[in-house]
Amino acid sequence: MRYALLVLGLALAATVATYVRYESLDPCDWMERDMARQSGLPRLVVRARIRAEFLLEGITEPSATECLSRWWEFRAEGASQEP
């Protein structure tokens, strides 16, 4: 029982922290904000770039899972480039 409460508490804390940072629980929005922050480009330009990349793969409406996967890849690339 304690283990379940601990896991539930950690999941809730992670959800709240994510919402506070991104003001959204949508992984497509997280990716857009992080890419805009890193590149210094306006969010509108970054949104168009992300949409174009998905369209090149034949994805017209990316799902949350596809955005989450792409966001993880983006974050991993950024982490590997930092000193």
N, C-alpha and C. Protein backbone atom coordinates (compact mmCIF):
# COMPACT_ATOMS: atom_id res chain seq x y z
N MET A 1 0.83 -1.19 0.00
CA MET A 1 0.00 0.00 0.00
C MET A 1 0.87 1.26 0.00
N ARG A 2 1.94 1.24 0.80
CA ARG A 2 2.82 2.40 0.85
C ARG A 2 3.50 2.63 -0.50
N TYR A 3 3.87 1.53 -1.14
CA TYR A 3 4.53 1.62 -2.44
C TYR A 3 3.60 2.27 -3.46
N ALA A 4 2.35 1.88 -3.46
CA ALA A 4 1.38 2.45 -4.39
C ALA A 4 1.18 3.94 -4.13
N LEU A 5 1.11 4.33 -2.87
CA LEU A 5 0.96 5.75 -2.54
C LEU A 5 2.20 6.55 -2.94
N LEU A 6 3.36 5.96 -2.77
CA LEU A 6 4.60 6.62 -3.16
C LEU A 6 4.64 6.84 -4.67
N VAL A 7 4.30 5.81 -5.43
CA VAL A 7 4.28 5.93 -6.89
C VAL A 7 3.24 6.95 -7.33
N LEU A 8 2.07 6.93 -6.73
CA LEU A 8 1.02 7.89 -7.05
C LEU A 8 1.48 9.31 -6.72
N GLY A 9 2.12 9.49 -5.59
CA GLY A 9 2.62 10.80 -5.20
C GLY A 9 3.69 11.32 -6.15
N LEU A 10 4.60 10.44 -6.57
CA LEU A 10 5.64 10.84 -7.51
C LEU A 10 5.06 11.20 -8.88
N ALA A 11 4.08 10.42 -9.32
CA ALA A 11 3.43 10.70 -10.60
C ALA A 11 2.70 12.05 -10.55
N LEU A 12 2.04 12.33 -9.45
CA LEU A 12 1.35 13.60 -9.29
C LEU A 12 2.33 14.76 -9.25
N ALA A 13 3.44 14.59 -8.54
CA ALA A 13 4.46 15.63 -8.47
C ALA A 13 5.07 15.90 -9.84
N ALA A 14 5.33 14.86 -10.61
CA ALA A 14 5.88 15.02 -11.95
C ALA A 14 4.89 15.73 -12.87
N THR A 15 3.63 15.40 -12.75
CA THR A 15 2.61 16.04 -13.57
C THR A 15 2.50 17.53 -13.25
N VAL A 16 2.49 17.85 -11.97
CA VAL A 16 2.39 19.25 -11.55
C VAL A 16 3.63 20.02 -12.00
N ALA A 17 4.81 19.43 -11.84
CA ALA A 17 6.05 20.10 -12.26
C ALA A 17 6.06 20.35 -13.76
N THR A 18 5.60 19.39 -14.53
CA THR A 18 5.53 19.56 -15.98
C THR A 18 4.56 20.66 -16.36
N TYR A 19 3.42 20.69 -15.72
CA TYR A 19 2.43 21.73 -16.01
C TYR A 19 2.96 23.12 -15.63
N VAL A 20 3.65 23.21 -14.52
CA VAL A 20 4.20 24.49 -14.10
C VAL A 20 5.24 24.98 -15.10
N ARG A 21 6.07 24.06 -15.60
CA ARG A 21 7.13 24.46 -16.53
C ARG A 21 6.58 24.84 -17.90
N TYR A 22 5.66 24.04 -18.44
CA TYR A 22 5.20 24.24 -19.81
C TYR A 22 3.81 24.85 -19.92
N GLU A 23 3.10 24.98 -18.82
CA GLU A 23 1.72 25.49 -18.81
C GLU A 23 0.83 24.66 -19.71
N SER A 24 1.16 23.39 -19.86
CA SER A 24 0.41 22.49 -20.73
C SER A 24 0.81 21.06 -20.42
N LEU A 25 -0.08 20.14 -20.72
CA LEU A 25 0.24 18.72 -20.60
C LEU A 25 0.31 18.05 -21.98
N ASP A 26 0.41 18.87 -23.03
CA ASP A 26 0.49 18.39 -24.40
C ASP A 26 1.96 18.30 -24.83
N PRO A 27 2.45 17.09 -25.14
CA PRO A 27 3.85 16.95 -25.53
C PRO A 27 4.21 17.70 -26.82
N CYS A 28 3.24 17.94 -27.69
CA CYS A 28 3.52 18.73 -28.90
C CYS A 28 3.88 20.16 -28.50
N ASP A 29 3.21 20.68 -27.50
CA ASP A 29 3.49 22.01 -27.00
C ASP A 29 4.85 22.06 -26.32
N TRP A 30 5.20 21.02 -25.57
CA TRP A 30 6.52 20.97 -24.91
C TRP A 30 7.62 21.05 -25.96
N MET A 31 7.49 20.26 -27.01
CA MET A 31 8.49 20.23 -28.06
C MET A 31 8.62 21.61 -28.72
N GLU A 32 7.49 22.21 -29.01
CA GLU A 32 7.49 23.53 -29.64
C GLU A 32 8.18 24.56 -28.75
N ARG A 33 7.85 24.58 -27.49
CA ARG A 33 8.45 25.55 -26.57
C ARG A 33 9.95 25.33 -26.41
N ASP A 34 10.37 24.08 -26.25
CA ASP A 34 11.79 23.80 -26.08
C ASP A 34 12.59 24.14 -27.33
N MET A 35 12.05 23.81 -28.51
CA MET A 35 12.75 24.13 -29.76
C MET A 35 12.84 25.63 -29.97
N ALA A 36 11.78 26.35 -29.65
CA ALA A 36 11.79 27.81 -29.79
C ALA A 36 12.79 28.42 -28.82
N ARG A 37 12.84 27.91 -27.62
CA ARG A 37 13.77 28.42 -26.62
C ARG A 37 15.22 28.18 -27.06
N GLN A 38 15.49 27.00 -27.58
CA GLN A 38 16.85 26.66 -27.98
C GLN A 38 17.29 27.42 -29.23
N SER A 39 16.40 27.56 -30.19
CA SER A 39 16.77 28.19 -31.47
C SER A 39 16.67 29.70 -31.44
N GLY A 40 15.84 30.24 -30.56
CA GLY A 40 15.62 31.67 -30.52
C GLY A 40 14.65 32.16 -31.58
N LEU A 41 14.05 31.23 -32.33
CA LEU A 41 13.07 31.57 -33.35
C LEU A 41 11.69 31.76 -32.72
N PRO A 42 10.83 32.53 -33.38
CA PRO A 42 9.46 32.67 -32.88
C PRO A 42 8.74 31.31 -32.90
N ARG A 43 7.81 31.14 -31.98
CA ARG A 43 7.09 29.87 -31.88
C ARG A 43 6.32 29.54 -33.15
N LEU A 44 5.85 30.55 -33.85
CA LEU A 44 5.11 30.32 -35.08
C LEU A 44 6.02 29.64 -36.12
N VAL A 45 7.25 30.08 -36.22
CA VAL A 45 8.20 29.49 -37.16
C VAL A 45 8.54 28.06 -36.74
N VAL A 46 8.74 27.86 -35.46
CA VAL A 46 9.06 26.52 -34.95
C VAL A 46 7.88 25.59 -35.18
N ARG A 47 6.67 26.06 -34.94
CA ARG A 47 5.47 25.24 -35.16
C ARG A 47 5.37 24.80 -36.62
N ALA A 48 5.65 25.73 -37.54
CA ALA A 48 5.61 25.39 -38.97
C ALA A 48 6.69 24.37 -39.32
N ARG A 49 7.85 24.52 -38.73
CA ARG A 49 8.95 23.59 -38.99
C ARG A 49 8.61 22.18 -38.49
N ILE A 50 8.05 22.10 -37.29
CA ILE A 50 7.66 20.80 -36.73
C ILE A 50 6.58 20.16 -37.60
N ARG A 51 5.61 20.95 -37.98
CA ARG A 51 4.52 20.43 -38.82
C ARG A 51 5.06 19.92 -40.16
N ALA A 52 6.01 20.66 -40.75
CA ALA A 52 6.60 20.24 -42.02
C ALA A 52 7.36 18.92 -41.87
N GLU A 53 8.08 18.77 -40.76
CA GLU A 53 8.81 17.51 -40.52
C GLU A 53 7.85 16.33 -40.40
N PHE A 54 6.76 16.53 -39.70
CA PHE A 54 5.76 15.46 -39.59
C PHE A 54 5.13 15.17 -40.95
N LEU A 55 4.83 16.23 -41.72
CA LEU A 55 4.22 16.03 -43.03
C LEU A 55 5.14 15.26 -43.97
N LEU A 56 6.45 15.50 -43.88
CA LEU A 56 7.40 14.77 -44.71
C LEU A 56 7.38 13.27 -44.39
N GLU A 57 6.98 12.93 -43.19
CA GLU A 57 6.85 11.53 -42.80
C GLU A 57 5.45 10.98 -43.05
N GLY A 58 4.57 11.82 -43.61
CA GLY A 58 3.22 11.38 -43.91
C GLY A 58 2.27 11.47 -42.73
N ILE A 59 2.65 12.21 -41.71
CA ILE A 59 1.81 12.37 -40.52
C ILE A 59 1.15 13.75 -40.58
N THR A 60 -0.15 13.76 -40.82
CA THR A 60 -0.85 15.05 -40.93
C THR A 60 -1.27 15.60 -39.58
N GLU A 61 -1.66 14.74 -38.68
CA GLU A 61 -2.06 15.14 -37.33
C GLU A 61 -1.29 14.27 -36.33
N PRO A 62 -0.17 14.76 -35.82
CA PRO A 62 0.62 13.93 -34.90
C PRO A 62 -0.14 13.66 -33.60
N SER A 63 -0.04 12.44 -33.14
CA SER A 63 -0.67 12.08 -31.86
C SER A 63 0.24 12.51 -30.72
N ALA A 64 -0.29 12.45 -29.52
CA ALA A 64 0.51 12.78 -28.34
C ALA A 64 1.70 11.83 -28.22
N THR A 65 1.51 10.58 -28.57
CA THR A 65 2.60 9.60 -28.50
C THR A 65 3.71 9.95 -29.48
N GLU A 66 3.35 10.35 -30.69
CA GLU A 66 4.36 10.73 -31.68
C GLU A 66 5.11 11.98 -31.25
N CYS A 67 4.39 12.95 -30.71
CA CYS A 67 5.04 14.17 -30.22
C CYS A 67 5.94 13.86 -29.02
N LEU A 68 5.48 13.00 -28.14
CA LEU A 68 6.28 12.65 -26.97
C LEU A 68 7.58 11.97 -27.39
N SER A 69 7.48 11.07 -28.33
CA SER A 69 8.66 10.37 -28.84
C SER A 69 9.64 11.36 -29.46
N ARG A 70 9.13 12.26 -30.28
CA ARG A 70 9.97 13.27 -30.93
C ARG A 70 10.57 14.21 -29.90
N TRP A 71 9.82 14.58 -28.87
CA TRP A 71 10.32 15.48 -27.82
C TRP A 71 11.45 14.80 -27.06
N TRP A 72 11.30 13.50 -26.75
CA TRP A 72 12.37 12.77 -26.07
C TRP A 72 13.63 12.75 -26.91
N GLU A 73 13.48 12.52 -28.21
CA GLU A 73 14.64 12.52 -29.11
C GLU A 73 15.32 13.89 -29.09
N PHE A 74 14.52 14.95 -29.16
CA PHE A 74 15.06 16.31 -29.14
C PHE A 74 15.81 16.59 -27.84
N ARG A 75 15.21 16.19 -26.72
CA ARG A 75 15.86 16.41 -25.42
C ARG A 75 17.14 15.59 -25.30
N ALA A 76 17.13 14.36 -25.82
CA ALA A 76 18.32 13.51 -25.75
C ALA A 76 19.46 14.11 -26.59
N GLU A 77 19.13 14.63 -27.76
CA GLU A 77 20.14 15.27 -28.60
C GLU A 77 20.73 16.47 -27.90
N GLY A 78 19.88 17.27 -27.24
CA GLY A 78 20.35 18.45 -26.51
C GLY A 78 21.23 18.08 -25.35
N ALA A 79 20.90 16.99 -24.66
CA ALA A 79 21.69 16.55 -23.52
C ALA A 79 23.05 16.03 -23.96
N SER A 80 23.11 15.40 -25.11
CA SER A 80 24.38 14.85 -25.58
C SER A 80 25.31 15.93 -26.11
N GLN A 81 24.77 17.10 -26.46
CA GLN A 81 25.57 18.20 -26.99
C GLN A 81 26.12 19.11 -25.90
N GLU A 82 25.54 19.06 -24.71
CA GLU A 82 26.00 19.92 -23.62
C GLU A 82 27.32 19.38 -23.07
N PRO A 83 28.19 20.30 -22.64
CA PRO A 83 29.50 19.86 -22.11
C PRO A 83 29.40 19.13 -20.81
